[in-house]
């Protein structure tokens, strides 16, 4: 277990959260001190990277939706020892917390807070789950600050969990320490999940919806992309979820692992090699989501009066092996128009 340590007063100046010669109260004022020089530059760069990333994909929203829908399954999958202790009859999702760093002019949002109980206890606890989609050297300090602020507000025991989803292979610290040669002031620890380090094949036999969705962020290589999607679809069929939850998992997975047309053809070939019953269920699942996507695209095209949109969709459907009558039915194009596209 790696730990980020601040030893002695002299080393505080190396951290954007701790300044030398300033008063420090771990539970109330940690982390909201002025930043200068390179530290401010580093913070600005991190914030800028986060803003760019969020413009492309709202990672935090996706993970929050997944983990709030399948909170129990998440703990069972990655932290079975915690799962065994939690009383899931008492689960309440708290409103989003926003902490303001006045000096830096930044707002920090806590991703997910769950109020619950442990078995055999009357007192409430809070599970704090923080998703991290980019690397940040000061992340352990940020976790400490969040927990300090949450404790200040709720005065309850807080279980902090961090889930790392970026593509780089790193060894993330799971603790933060402030100490002197003669005294350890803070020894803060939190649970972690590093998705890229998870061997995806070890999860495909676990009929767990969180495992299915997160296959898309686990440790696979480029040559395994089709296999990962194939196993995701098989898991989705076995889970037999309602349509809303199925849509959530499918949308999450497709956000992070979208196959090329050539890979889709390979996937269909591999599905056809499954047992007849399973192959039909998987194929029906693929077709239902592709048709839904096609229909949405067509509706959008019709609204804008763009005939070209229909033609582009028809071309893609031909490339994926759809027959002409099906394409005509979904796009509204004539048989002659579709036949011309084949040429």
C-alpha atoms as a PDB file:
ATOM      1  CA  UNK A   1       0.000   0.000   0.000  1.00  0.00           C
ATOM      2  CA  UNK A   2       1.475   3.311  -1.059  1.00  0.00           C
ATOM      3  CA  UNK A   3       1.097   6.331   1.157  1.00  0.00           C
ATOM      4  CA  UNK A   4       1.464  10.033   0.505  1.00  0.00           C
ATOM      5  CA  UNK A   5       3.319  11.474   3.483  1.00  0.00           C
ATOM      6  CA  UNK A   6       3.913  15.011   4.652  1.00  0.00           C
ATOM      7  CA  UNK A   7       6.669  14.831   7.247  1.00  0.00           C
ATOM      8  CA  UNK A   8       7.506  17.896   9.327  1.00  0.00           C
ATOM      9  CA  UNK A   9       6.532  21.493   8.781  1.00  0.00           C
ATOM     10  CA  UNK A  10       9.199  22.114   6.161  1.00  0.00           C
ATOM     11  CA  UNK A  11       7.616  19.730   3.673  1.00  0.00           C
ATOM     12  CA  UNK A  12       4.207  21.414   3.791  1.00  0.00           C
ATOM     13  CA  UNK A  13       5.318  23.925   1.185  1.00  0.00           C
ATOM     14  CA  UNK A  14       5.581  21.137  -1.398  1.00  0.00           C
ATOM     15  CA  UNK A  15       1.863  20.509  -1.246  1.00  0.00           C
ATOM     16  CA  UNK A  16      -0.830  22.798  -2.687  1.00  0.00           C
ATOM     17  CA  UNK A  17      -3.020  21.976   0.310  1.00  0.00           C
ATOM     18  CA  UNK A  18      -0.581  22.740   3.150  1.00  0.00           C
ATOM     19  CA  UNK A  19       1.362  25.963   3.617  1.00  0.00           C
ATOM     20  CA  UNK A  20       4.254  26.490   5.982  1.00  0.00           C
ATOM     21  CA  UNK A  21       3.727  28.969   8.869  1.00  0.00           C
ATOM     22  CA  UNK A  22      -0.068  28.840   8.589  1.00  0.00           C
ATOM     23  CA  UNK A  23      -2.362  27.485  11.284  1.00  0.00           C
ATOM     24  CA  UNK A  24      -3.731  24.048  10.456  1.00  0.00           C
ATOM     25  CA  UNK A  25      -6.782  22.258  11.803  1.00  0.00           C
ATOM     26  CA  UNK A  26      -7.165  18.876  10.041  1.00  0.00           C
ATOM     27  CA  UNK A  27     -10.923  18.614  10.456  1.00  0.00           C
ATOM     28  CA  UNK A  28     -11.900  22.115   9.447  1.00  0.00           C
ATOM     29  CA  UNK A  29      -9.382  24.120   7.443  1.00  0.00           C
ATOM     30  CA  UNK A  30      -7.261  21.555   5.603  1.00  0.00           C
ATOM     31  CA  UNK A  31      -6.838  22.197   1.941  1.00  0.00           C
ATOM     32  CA  UNK A  32      -8.295  25.633   1.576  1.00  0.00           C
ATOM     33  CA  UNK A  33      -5.151  27.753   1.816  1.00  0.00           C
ATOM     34  CA  UNK A  34      -3.640  30.132  -0.772  1.00  0.00           C
ATOM     35  CA  UNK A  35      -1.665  28.587  -3.634  1.00  0.00           C
ATOM     36  CA  UNK A  36       1.264  30.271  -5.303  1.00  0.00           C
ATOM     37  CA  UNK A  37       3.796  29.755  -8.073  1.00  0.00           C
ATOM     38  CA  UNK A  38       4.095  26.300  -9.589  1.00  0.00           C
ATOM     39  CA  UNK A  39       1.512  24.873  -7.222  1.00  0.00           C
ATOM     40  CA  UNK A  40      -1.120  27.218  -8.561  1.00  0.00           C
ATOM     41  CA  UNK A  41       0.012  26.383 -12.073  1.00  0.00           C
ATOM     42  CA  UNK A  42      -0.314  22.662 -11.361  1.00  0.00           C
ATOM     43  CA  UNK A  43      -3.797  23.176  -9.950  1.00  0.00           C
ATOM     44  CA  UNK A  44      -4.769  25.221 -13.010  1.00  0.00           C
ATOM     45  CA  UNK A  45      -3.488  22.523 -15.349  1.00  0.00           C
ATOM     46  CA  UNK A  46      -5.387  19.816 -13.507  1.00  0.00           C
ATOM     47  CA  UNK A  47      -8.573  21.866 -13.526  1.00  0.00           C
ATOM     48  CA  UNK A  48      -8.137  22.573 -17.240  1.00  0.00           C
ATOM     49  CA  UNK A  49      -7.602  18.868 -18.010  1.00  0.00           C
ATOM     50  CA  UNK A  50     -10.686  17.999 -15.996  1.00  0.00           C
ATOM     51  CA  UNK A  51     -12.779  20.621 -17.801  1.00  0.00           C
ATOM     52  CA  UNK A  52     -11.672  19.373 -21.231  1.00  0.00           C
ATOM     53  CA  UNK A  53     -12.372  15.789 -20.201  1.00  0.00           C
ATOM     54  CA  UNK A  54     -15.807  16.606 -18.868  1.00  0.00           C
ATOM     55  CA  UNK A  55     -16.643  18.424 -22.105  1.00  0.00           C
ATOM     56  CA  UNK A  56     -16.087  15.203 -23.992  1.00  0.00           C
ATOM     57  CA  UNK A  57     -17.526  12.694 -21.528  1.00  0.00           C
ATOM     58  CA  UNK A  58     -19.168  13.440 -18.211  1.00  0.00           C
ATOM     59  CA  UNK A  59     -17.289  10.624 -16.454  1.00  0.00           C
ATOM     60  CA  UNK A  60     -18.437  11.519 -12.964  1.00  0.00           C
ATOM     61  CA  UNK A  61     -22.106  11.556 -13.960  1.00  0.00           C
ATOM     62  CA  UNK A  62     -21.819   8.161 -15.661  1.00  0.00           C
ATOM     63  CA  UNK A  63     -20.100   6.562 -12.688  1.00  0.00           C
ATOM     64  CA  UNK A  64     -22.460   8.197 -10.219  1.00  0.00           C
ATOM     65  CA  UNK A  65     -25.481   6.855 -12.084  1.00  0.00           C
ATOM     66  CA  UNK A  66     -23.975   3.366 -12.292  1.00  0.00           C
ATOM     67  CA  UNK A  67     -22.888   3.174  -8.653  1.00  0.00           C
ATOM     68  CA  UNK A  68     -26.037   4.722  -7.212  1.00  0.00           C
ATOM     69  CA  UNK A  69     -28.185   2.274  -9.178  1.00  0.00           C
ATOM     70  CA  UNK A  70     -26.030  -0.707  -8.226  1.00  0.00           C
ATOM     71  CA  UNK A  71     -24.496   0.384  -4.913  1.00  0.00           C
ATOM     72  CA  UNK A  72     -24.986  -2.993  -3.235  1.00  0.00           C
ATOM     73  CA  UNK A  73     -23.557  -4.871  -6.219  1.00  0.00           C
ATOM     74  CA  UNK A  74     -20.536  -2.538  -6.306  1.00  0.00           C
ATOM     75  CA  UNK A  75     -19.603  -3.326  -2.700  1.00  0.00           C
ATOM     76  CA  UNK A  76     -20.181  -7.042  -3.247  1.00  0.00           C
ATOM     77  CA  UNK A  77     -17.919  -7.036  -6.300  1.00  0.00           C
ATOM     78  CA  UNK A  78     -14.901  -5.145  -4.989  1.00  0.00           C
ATOM     79  CA  UNK A  79     -15.255  -5.072  -1.202  1.00  0.00           C
ATOM     80  CA  UNK A  80     -17.015  -8.251  -0.059  1.00  0.00           C
ATOM     81  CA  UNK A  81     -15.719  -7.756   3.499  1.00  0.00           C
ATOM     82  CA  UNK A  82     -17.535  -4.405   3.612  1.00  0.00           C
ATOM     83  CA  UNK A  83     -20.622  -5.835   1.911  1.00  0.00           C
ATOM     84  CA  UNK A  84     -20.957  -8.471   4.634  1.00  0.00           C
ATOM     85  CA  UNK A  85     -21.073  -5.787   7.329  1.00  0.00           C
ATOM     86  CA  UNK A  86     -23.517  -3.331   5.729  1.00  0.00           C
ATOM     87  CA  UNK A  87     -27.223  -3.441   6.545  1.00  0.00           C
ATOM     88  CA  UNK A  88     -28.773  -2.677   3.153  1.00  0.00           C
ATOM     89  CA  UNK A  89     -32.232  -2.244   4.659  1.00  0.00           C
ATOM     90  CA  UNK A  90     -31.041   1.233   5.581  1.00  0.00           C
ATOM     91  CA  UNK A  91     -29.667   2.968   2.477  1.00  0.00           C
ATOM     92  CA  UNK A  92     -30.214   6.624   1.642  1.00  0.00           C
ATOM     93  CA  UNK A  93     -28.418   8.691  -0.997  1.00  0.00           C
ATOM     94  CA  UNK A  94     -27.473  12.133   0.267  1.00  0.00           C
ATOM     95  CA  UNK A  95     -27.580  15.296  -1.800  1.00  0.00           C
ATOM     96  CA  UNK A  96     -24.472  16.445  -3.647  1.00  0.00           C
ATOM     97  CA  UNK A  97     -21.934  18.254  -1.492  1.00  0.00           C
ATOM     98  CA  UNK A  98     -20.006  21.195  -2.936  1.00  0.00           C
ATOM     99  CA  UNK A  99     -16.954  22.510  -1.095  1.00  0.00           C
ATOM    100  CA  UNK A 100     -15.559  25.883  -2.108  1.00  0.00           C
ATOM    101  CA  UNK A 101     -11.877  26.750  -2.061  1.00  0.00           C
ATOM    102  CA  UNK A 102     -12.262  30.526  -1.777  1.00  0.00           C
ATOM    103  CA  UNK A 103      -8.556  31.316  -2.236  1.00  0.00           C
ATOM    104  CA  UNK A 104      -8.226  29.284  -5.431  1.00  0.00           C
ATOM    105  CA  UNK A 105     -11.673  30.184  -6.727  1.00  0.00           C
ATOM    106  CA  UNK A 106     -12.600  26.542  -7.297  1.00  0.00           C
ATOM    107  CA  UNK A 107     -15.529  24.343  -6.372  1.00  0.00           C
ATOM    108  CA  UNK A 108     -15.049  20.697  -5.467  1.00  0.00           C
ATOM    109  CA  UNK A 109     -17.983  18.311  -5.759  1.00  0.00           C
ATOM    110  CA  UNK A 110     -18.195  15.065  -3.829  1.00  0.00           C
ATOM    111  CA  UNK A 111     -19.334  12.331  -6.205  1.00  0.00           C
ATOM    112  CA  UNK A 112     -21.507   9.980  -4.156  1.00  0.00           C
ATOM    113  CA  UNK A 113     -22.576   9.879  -0.513  1.00  0.00           C
ATOM    114  CA  UNK A 114     -24.576   6.974   0.880  1.00  0.00           C
ATOM    115  CA  UNK A 115     -26.024   6.943   4.373  1.00  0.00           C
ATOM    116  CA  UNK A 116     -26.410   3.447   5.810  1.00  0.00           C
ATOM    117  CA  UNK A 117     -25.853   1.260   8.869  1.00  0.00           C
ATOM    118  CA  UNK A 118     -23.644  -1.643   9.835  1.00  0.00           C
ATOM    119  CA  UNK A 119     -25.293  -4.865  10.946  1.00  0.00           C
ATOM    120  CA  UNK A 120     -25.879  -4.985  14.672  1.00  0.00           C
ATOM    121  CA  UNK A 121     -25.366  -1.240  15.126  1.00  0.00           C
ATOM    122  CA  UNK A 122     -27.868   1.568  15.552  1.00  0.00           C
ATOM    123  CA  UNK A 123     -25.686   4.497  14.508  1.00  0.00           C
ATOM    124  CA  UNK A 124     -25.582   5.726  10.919  1.00  0.00           C
ATOM    125  CA  UNK A 125     -22.416   5.759   8.807  1.00  0.00           C
ATOM    126  CA  UNK A 126     -21.642   7.455   5.489  1.00  0.00           C
ATOM    127  CA  UNK A 127     -19.998   5.733   2.532  1.00  0.00           C
ATOM    128  CA  UNK A 128     -18.186   8.285   0.372  1.00  0.00           C
ATOM    129  CA  UNK A 129     -17.336   7.080  -3.155  1.00  0.00           C
ATOM    130  CA  UNK A 130     -15.080   9.322  -5.230  1.00  0.00           C
ATOM    131  CA  UNK A 131     -14.464   8.620  -8.918  1.00  0.00           C
ATOM    132  CA  UNK A 132     -11.191   9.780 -10.483  1.00  0.00           C
ATOM    133  CA  UNK A 133     -10.874   9.810 -14.292  1.00  0.00           C
ATOM    134  CA  UNK A 134      -7.445  11.487 -14.509  1.00  0.00           C
ATOM    135  CA  UNK A 135      -4.167  11.288 -12.616  1.00  0.00           C
ATOM    136  CA  UNK A 136      -3.628  13.808  -9.823  1.00  0.00           C
ATOM    137  CA  UNK A 137      -0.631  13.669  -7.447  1.00  0.00           C
ATOM    138  CA  UNK A 138      -2.569  15.417  -4.679  1.00  0.00           C
ATOM    139  CA  UNK A 139      -5.581  13.112  -4.824  1.00  0.00           C
ATOM    140  CA  UNK A 140      -4.966  11.495  -1.380  1.00  0.00           C
ATOM    141  CA  UNK A 141      -4.909  14.966   0.167  1.00  0.00           C
ATOM    142  CA  UNK A 142      -8.172  15.806  -1.588  1.00  0.00           C
ATOM    143  CA  UNK A 143      -9.762  12.654  -0.180  1.00  0.00           C
ATOM    144  CA  UNK A 144      -8.588  13.648   3.292  1.00  0.00           C
ATOM    145  CA  UNK A 145     -10.056  17.126   2.863  1.00  0.00           C
ATOM    146  CA  UNK A 146     -13.399  15.756   1.681  1.00  0.00           C
ATOM    147  CA  UNK A 147     -13.668  13.360   4.604  1.00  0.00           C
ATOM    148  CA  UNK A 148     -12.678  16.113   7.035  1.00  0.00           C
ATOM    149  CA  UNK A 149     -15.359  18.417   5.681  1.00  0.00           C
ATOM    150  CA  UNK A 150     -17.955  15.652   5.644  1.00  0.00           C
ATOM    151  CA  UNK A 151     -17.154  14.748   9.230  1.00  0.00           C
ATOM    152  CA  UNK A 152     -17.413  18.399  10.176  1.00  0.00           C
ATOM    153  CA  UNK A 153     -20.949  18.518   8.744  1.00  0.00           C
ATOM    154  CA  UNK A 154     -22.364  15.114   9.677  1.00  0.00           C
ATOM    155  CA  UNK A 155     -20.297  14.046  12.715  1.00  0.00           C
ATOM    156  CA  UNK A 156     -20.524  10.413  11.645  1.00  0.00           C
ATOM    157  CA  UNK A 157     -18.048   7.706  10.761  1.00  0.00           C
ATOM    158  CA  UNK A 158     -17.189   7.936   7.083  1.00  0.00           C
ATOM    159  CA  UNK A 159     -15.939   5.114   4.865  1.00  0.00           C
ATOM    160  CA  UNK A 160     -14.004   6.642   1.923  1.00  0.00           C
ATOM    161  CA  UNK A 161     -13.656   4.709  -1.350  1.00  0.00           C
ATOM    162  CA  UNK A 162     -11.820   5.864  -4.486  1.00  0.00           C
ATOM    163  CA  UNK A 163     -12.363   4.335  -7.912  1.00  0.00           C
ATOM    164  CA  UNK A 164      -9.718   5.116 -10.561  1.00  0.00           C
ATOM    165  CA  UNK A 165     -10.782   4.759 -14.202  1.00  0.00           C
ATOM    166  CA  UNK A 166      -7.999   6.376 -16.249  1.00  0.00           C
ATOM    167  CA  UNK A 167      -6.106   4.292 -18.814  1.00  0.00           C
ATOM    168  CA  UNK A 168      -2.593   4.705 -17.424  1.00  0.00           C
ATOM    169  CA  UNK A 169      -1.031   1.974 -15.287  1.00  0.00           C
ATOM    170  CA  UNK A 170      -0.098   3.529 -11.952  1.00  0.00           C
ATOM    171  CA  UNK A 171       0.287   2.581  -8.315  1.00  0.00           C
ATOM    172  CA  UNK A 172      -2.159   4.860  -6.561  1.00  0.00           C
ATOM    173  CA  UNK A 173      -1.630   5.660  -2.868  1.00  0.00           C
ATOM    174  CA  UNK A 174      -4.420   4.624  -0.530  1.00  0.00           C
ATOM    175  CA  UNK A 175      -3.383   6.728   2.438  1.00  0.00           C
ATOM    176  CA  UNK A 176      -2.294  10.198   3.445  1.00  0.00           C
ATOM    177  CA  UNK A 177      -0.043  10.955   6.409  1.00  0.00           C
ATOM    178  CA  UNK A 178       1.091  14.070   8.239  1.00  0.00           C
ATOM    179  CA  UNK A 179       3.839  13.366  10.728  1.00  0.00           C
ATOM    180  CA  UNK A 180       6.931  14.584  12.517  1.00  0.00           C
ATOM    181  CA  UNK A 181       9.927  12.508  13.607  1.00  0.00           C
ATOM    182  CA  UNK A 182       8.361  12.491  17.067  1.00  0.00           C
ATOM    183  CA  UNK A 183       4.604  12.369  16.273  1.00  0.00           C
ATOM    184  CA  UNK A 184       2.168  11.120  13.636  1.00  0.00           C
ATOM    185  CA  UNK A 185      -0.579  13.731  13.450  1.00  0.00           C
ATOM    186  CA  UNK A 186      -2.726  12.191  10.697  1.00  0.00           C
ATOM    187  CA  UNK A 187      -2.776   8.640   9.344  1.00  0.00           C
ATOM    188  CA  UNK A 188      -5.702   8.685   6.918  1.00  0.00           C
ATOM    189  CA  UNK A 189      -6.569   5.625   4.815  1.00  0.00           C
ATOM    190  CA  UNK A 190      -9.151   4.871   2.156  1.00  0.00           C
ATOM    191  CA  UNK A 191     -10.235   1.920   0.016  1.00  0.00           C
ATOM    192  CA  UNK A 192      -9.330   1.920  -3.678  1.00  0.00           C
ATOM    193  CA  UNK A 193     -10.255   0.234  -6.949  1.00  0.00           C
ATOM    194  CA  UNK A 194      -7.868   0.661  -9.888  1.00  0.00           C
ATOM    195  CA  UNK A 195      -9.907  -0.533 -12.851  1.00  0.00           C
ATOM    196  CA  UNK A 196      -7.073  -0.747 -15.353  1.00  0.00           C
ATOM    197  CA  UNK A 197      -5.324  -3.251 -13.092  1.00  0.00           C
ATOM    198  CA  UNK A 198      -8.315  -5.569 -12.983  1.00  0.00           C
ATOM    199  CA  UNK A 199      -7.968  -8.667 -15.233  1.00  0.00           C
ATOM    200  CA  UNK A 200     -11.267  -8.557 -17.107  1.00  0.00           C
ATOM    201  CA  UNK A 201     -11.520 -12.304 -17.694  1.00  0.00           C
ATOM    202  CA  UNK A 202     -11.761 -12.898 -13.949  1.00  0.00           C
ATOM    203  CA  UNK A 203     -15.041 -10.959 -13.857  1.00  0.00           C
ATOM    204  CA  UNK A 204     -17.007 -12.469 -16.745  1.00  0.00           C
ATOM    205  CA  UNK A 205     -18.411 -15.360 -14.691  1.00  0.00           C
ATOM    206  CA  UNK A 206     -19.687 -13.058 -11.983  1.00  0.00           C
ATOM    207  CA  UNK A 207     -23.269 -12.221 -12.760  1.00  0.00           C
ATOM    208  CA  UNK A 208     -22.886  -8.727 -11.422  1.00  0.00           C
ATOM    209  CA  UNK A 209     -24.149  -5.688 -13.380  1.00  0.00           C
ATOM    210  CA  UNK A 210     -21.285  -3.486 -12.152  1.00  0.00           C
ATOM    211  CA  UNK A 211     -18.754  -6.041 -13.387  1.00  0.00           C
ATOM    212  CA  UNK A 212     -20.488  -6.097 -16.773  1.00  0.00           C
ATOM    213  CA  UNK A 213     -20.380  -2.318 -17.223  1.00  0.00           C
ATOM    214  CA  UNK A 214     -16.835  -1.913 -15.906  1.00  0.00           C
ATOM    215  CA  UNK A 215     -15.375  -4.529 -18.251  1.00  0.00           C
ATOM    216  CA  UNK A 216     -15.081  -1.555 -20.612  1.00  0.00           C
ATOM    217  CA  UNK A 217     -12.524   0.110 -18.297  1.00  0.00           C
ATOM    218  CA  UNK A 218     -10.551  -2.924 -17.135  1.00  0.00           C
ATOM    219  CA  UNK A 219      -7.182  -4.266 -18.230  1.00  0.00           C
ATOM    220  CA  UNK A 220      -7.629  -5.521 -21.790  1.00  0.00           C
ATOM    221  CA  UNK A 221      -5.455  -4.916 -24.845  1.00  0.00           C
ATOM    222  CA  UNK A 222      -6.498  -3.809 -28.330  1.00  0.00           C
ATOM    223  CA  UNK A 223      -6.711  -7.373 -29.658  1.00  0.00           C
ATOM    224  CA  UNK A 224      -9.231  -8.264 -26.933  1.00  0.00           C
ATOM    225  CA  UNK A 225     -11.769  -5.528 -27.625  1.00  0.00           C
ATOM    226  CA  UNK A 226     -14.178  -7.800 -29.505  1.00  0.00           C
ATOM    227  CA  UNK A 227     -13.884 -10.509 -26.853  1.00  0.00           C
ATOM    228  CA  UNK A 228     -14.639  -7.990 -24.099  1.00  0.00           C
ATOM    229  CA  UNK A 229     -17.814  -6.812 -25.868  1.00  0.00           C
ATOM    230  CA  UNK A 230     -18.849 -10.402 -26.577  1.00  0.00           C
ATOM    231  CA  UNK A 231     -18.570 -11.350 -22.911  1.00  0.00           C
ATOM    232  CA  UNK A 232     -20.353  -8.154 -21.870  1.00  0.00           C
ATOM    233  CA  UNK A 233     -23.320  -9.106 -24.056  1.00  0.00           C
ATOM    234  CA  UNK A 234     -23.374 -12.628 -22.647  1.00  0.00           C
ATOM    235  CA  UNK A 235     -23.382 -11.206 -19.113  1.00  0.00           C
ATOM    236  CA  UNK A 236     -26.195  -8.820 -20.012  1.00  0.00           C
ATOM    237  CA  UNK A 237     -28.295 -11.709 -21.319  1.00  0.00           C
ATOM    238  CA  UNK A 238     -27.695 -13.780 -18.178  1.00  0.00           C
ATOM    239  CA  UNK A 239     -28.528 -10.896 -15.835  1.00  0.00           C
ATOM    240  CA  UNK A 240     -32.077 -10.526 -17.232  1.00  0.00           C
ATOM    241  CA  UNK A 241     -32.430  -6.935 -16.007  1.00  0.00           C
ATOM    242  CA  UNK A 242     -35.343  -4.638 -16.697  1.00  0.00           C
ATOM    243  CA  UNK A 243     -35.062  -2.403 -19.746  1.00  0.00           C
ATOM    244  CA  UNK A 244     -34.021   0.743 -17.853  1.00  0.00           C
ATOM    245  CA  UNK A 245     -31.115  -0.951 -16.080  1.00  0.00           C
ATOM    246  CA  UNK A 246     -30.117  -2.791 -19.222  1.00  0.00           C
ATOM    247  CA  UNK A 247     -30.040   0.521 -21.081  1.00  0.00           C
ATOM    248  CA  UNK A 248     -27.878   2.052 -18.350  1.00  0.00           C
ATOM    249  CA  UNK A 249     -25.294  -0.735 -18.567  1.00  0.00           C
ATOM    250  CA  UNK A 250     -25.295  -0.762 -22.358  1.00  0.00           C
ATOM    251  CA  UNK A 251     -24.881   3.002 -22.571  1.00  0.00           C
ATOM    252  CA  UNK A 252     -22.071   3.006 -20.006  1.00  0.00           C
ATOM    253  CA  UNK A 253     -20.193   0.222 -21.786  1.00  0.00           C
ATOM    254  CA  UNK A 254     -20.579   1.758 -25.243  1.00  0.00           C
ATOM    255  CA  UNK A 255     -19.282   5.095 -23.971  1.00  0.00           C
ATOM    256  CA  UNK A 256     -15.914   3.558 -23.166  1.00  0.00           C
ATOM    257  CA  UNK A 257     -15.658   0.688 -25.659  1.00  0.00           C
ATOM    258  CA  UNK A 258     -17.134   1.297 -29.104  1.00  0.00           C
ATOM    259  CA  UNK A 259     -16.187  -1.210 -31.789  1.00  0.00           C
ATOM    260  CA  UNK A 260     -15.308  -0.307 -35.355  1.00  0.00           C
ATOM    261  CA  UNK A 261     -17.458  -1.671 -38.197  1.00  0.00           C
ATOM    262  CA  UNK A 262     -14.877  -4.375 -38.873  1.00  0.00           C
ATOM    263  CA  UNK A 263     -14.860  -5.348 -35.212  1.00  0.00           C
ATOM    264  CA  UNK A 264     -18.674  -5.447 -35.220  1.00  0.00           C
ATOM    265  CA  UNK A 265     -18.577  -7.925 -38.104  1.00  0.00           C
ATOM    266  CA  UNK A 266     -16.075 -10.045 -36.177  1.00  0.00           C
ATOM    267  CA  UNK A 267     -18.343  -9.868 -33.133  1.00  0.00           C
ATOM    268  CA  UNK A 268     -21.335 -11.104 -35.128  1.00  0.00           C
ATOM    269  CA  UNK A 269     -19.279 -14.017 -36.444  1.00  0.00           C
ATOM    270  CA  UNK A 270     -18.239 -14.977 -32.925  1.00  0.00           C
ATOM    271  CA  UNK A 271     -21.811 -14.708 -31.664  1.00  0.00           C
ATOM    272  CA  UNK A 272     -22.933 -17.059 -34.431  1.00  0.00           C
ATOM    273  CA  UNK A 273     -20.499 -19.649 -33.079  1.00  0.00           C
ATOM    274  CA  UNK A 274     -22.237 -19.732 -29.690  1.00  0.00           C
ATOM    275  CA  UNK A 275     -24.902 -22.276 -28.826  1.00  0.00           C
ATOM    276  CA  UNK A 276     -28.118 -21.663 -30.741  1.00  0.00           C
ATOM    277  CA  UNK A 277     -30.157 -20.485 -27.742  1.00  0.00           C
ATOM    278  CA  UNK A 278     -27.508 -18.102 -26.399  1.00  0.00           C
ATOM    279  CA  UNK A 279     -26.644 -16.834 -29.885  1.00  0.00           C
ATOM    280  CA  UNK A 280     -30.275 -15.901 -30.515  1.00  0.00           C
ATOM    281  CA  UNK A 281     -30.567 -13.999 -27.223  1.00  0.00           C
ATOM    282  CA  UNK A 282     -27.327 -12.107 -27.814  1.00  0.00           C
ATOM    283  CA  UNK A 283     -28.253 -11.352 -31.429  1.00  0.00           C
ATOM    284  CA  UNK A 284     -31.693 -10.105 -30.388  1.00  0.00           C
ATOM    285  CA  UNK A 285     -30.015  -7.846 -27.834  1.00  0.00           C
ATOM    286  CA  UNK A 286     -27.601  -6.426 -30.412  1.00  0.00           C
ATOM    287  CA  UNK A 287     -30.340  -5.874 -32.982  1.00  0.00           C
ATOM    288  CA  UNK A 288     -32.686  -4.206 -30.488  1.00  0.00           C
ATOM    289  CA  UNK A 289     -30.063  -1.646 -29.479  1.00  0.00           C
ATOM    290  CA  UNK A 290     -28.851  -1.082 -33.028  1.00  0.00           C
ATOM    291  CA  UNK A 291     -32.403  -0.563 -34.242  1.00  0.00           C
ATOM    292  CA  UNK A 292     -33.071   1.830 -31.376  1.00  0.00           C
ATOM    293  CA  UNK A 293     -29.963   3.773 -32.336  1.00  0.00           C
ATOM    294  CA  UNK A 294     -30.908   3.722 -35.998  1.00  0.00           C
ATOM    295  CA  UNK A 295     -34.435   4.898 -35.245  1.00  0.00           C
ATOM    296  CA  UNK A 296     -33.137   7.757 -33.113  1.00  0.00           C
ATOM    297  CA  UNK A 297     -30.754   8.746 -35.873  1.00  0.00           C
ATOM    298  CA  UNK A 298     -33.514   8.588 -38.455  1.00  0.00           C
ATOM    299  CA  UNK A 299     -35.874  10.680 -36.318  1.00  0.00           C
ATOM    300  CA  UNK A 300     -33.161  13.270 -35.872  1.00  0.00           C
ATOM    301  CA  UNK A 301     -32.486  13.277 -39.594  1.00  0.00           C
ATOM    302  CA  UNK A 302     -36.162  13.628 -40.456  1.00  0.00           C
ATOM    303  CA  UNK A 303     -36.565  16.523 -38.043  1.00  0.00           C
ATOM    304  CA  UNK A 304     -33.728  18.330 -39.794  1.00  0.00           C
ATOM    305  CA  UNK A 305     -34.953  17.306 -43.227  1.00  0.00           C
ATOM    306  CA  UNK A 306     -31.685  15.605 -44.062  1.00  0.00           C
ATOM    307  CA  UNK A 307     -32.131  12.749 -46.532  1.00  0.00           C
ATOM    308  CA  UNK A 308     -28.406  12.145 -46.466  1.00  0.00           C
ATOM    309  CA  UNK A 309     -28.726  10.972 -42.877  1.00  0.00           C
ATOM    310  CA  UNK A 310     -30.940   8.104 -44.010  1.00  0.00           C
ATOM    311  CA  UNK A 311     -28.497   7.146 -46.736  1.00  0.00           C
ATOM    312  CA  UNK A 312     -25.556   7.120 -44.315  1.00  0.00           C
ATOM    313  CA  UNK A 313     -27.486   4.942 -41.886  1.00  0.00           C
ATOM    314  CA  UNK A 314     -28.475   2.563 -44.684  1.00  0.00           C
ATOM    315  CA  UNK A 315     -24.827   2.253 -45.742  1.00  0.00           C
ATOM    316  CA  UNK A 316     -23.794   1.367 -42.206  1.00  0.00           C
ATOM    317  CA  UNK A 317     -26.583  -1.190 -41.951  1.00  0.00           C
ATOM    318  CA  UNK A 318     -25.471  -2.790 -45.207  1.00  0.00           C
ATOM    319  CA  UNK A 319     -21.929  -2.938 -43.870  1.00  0.00           C
ATOM    320  CA  UNK A 320     -23.190  -4.786 -40.814  1.00  0.00           C
ATOM    321  CA  UNK A 321     -25.068  -7.381 -42.853  1.00  0.00           C
ATOM    322  CA  UNK A 322     -28.689  -6.199 -42.580  1.00  0.00           C
ATOM    323  CA  UNK A 323     -30.965  -7.325 -45.413  1.00  0.00           C
ATOM    324  CA  UNK A 324     -32.591  -4.832 -47.771  1.00  0.00           C
ATOM    325  CA  UNK A 325     -36.206  -5.187 -46.504  1.00  0.00           C
ATOM    326  CA  UNK A 326     -35.126  -4.483 -42.905  1.00  0.00           C
ATOM    327  CA  UNK A 327     -33.164  -1.411 -44.004  1.00  0.00           C
ATOM    328  CA  UNK A 328     -36.127  -0.131 -46.010  1.00  0.00           C
ATOM    329  CA  UNK A 329     -38.457  -0.650 -43.056  1.00  0.00           C
ATOM    330  CA  UNK A 330     -36.222   1.235 -40.618  1.00  0.00           C
ATOM    331  CA  UNK A 331     -35.093   4.064 -42.889  1.00  0.00           C
ATOM    332  CA  UNK A 332     -38.138   4.564 -45.096  1.00  0.00           C
ATOM    333  CA  UNK A 333     -35.924   4.375 -48.182  1.00  0.00           C
ATOM    334  CA  UNK A 334     -37.104   2.555 -51.298  1.00  0.00           C
ATOM    335  CA  UNK A 335     -35.707  -0.819 -52.322  1.00  0.00           C
ATOM    336  CA  UNK A 336     -34.180   0.817 -55.401  1.00  0.00           C
ATOM    337  CA  UNK A 337     -32.366   3.424 -53.299  1.00  0.00           C
ATOM    338  CA  UNK A 338     -30.899   0.801 -50.997  1.00  0.00           C
ATOM    339  CA  UNK A 339     -29.907  -1.433 -53.921  1.00  0.00           C
ATOM    340  CA  UNK A 340     -28.014   1.497 -55.445  1.00  0.00           C
ATOM    341  CA  UNK A 341     -26.033   1.859 -52.223  1.00  0.00           C
ATOM    342  CA  UNK A 342     -24.956  -1.772 -52.499  1.00  0.00           C
ATOM    343  CA  UNK A 343     -23.327  -1.013 -55.809  1.00  0.00           C
END
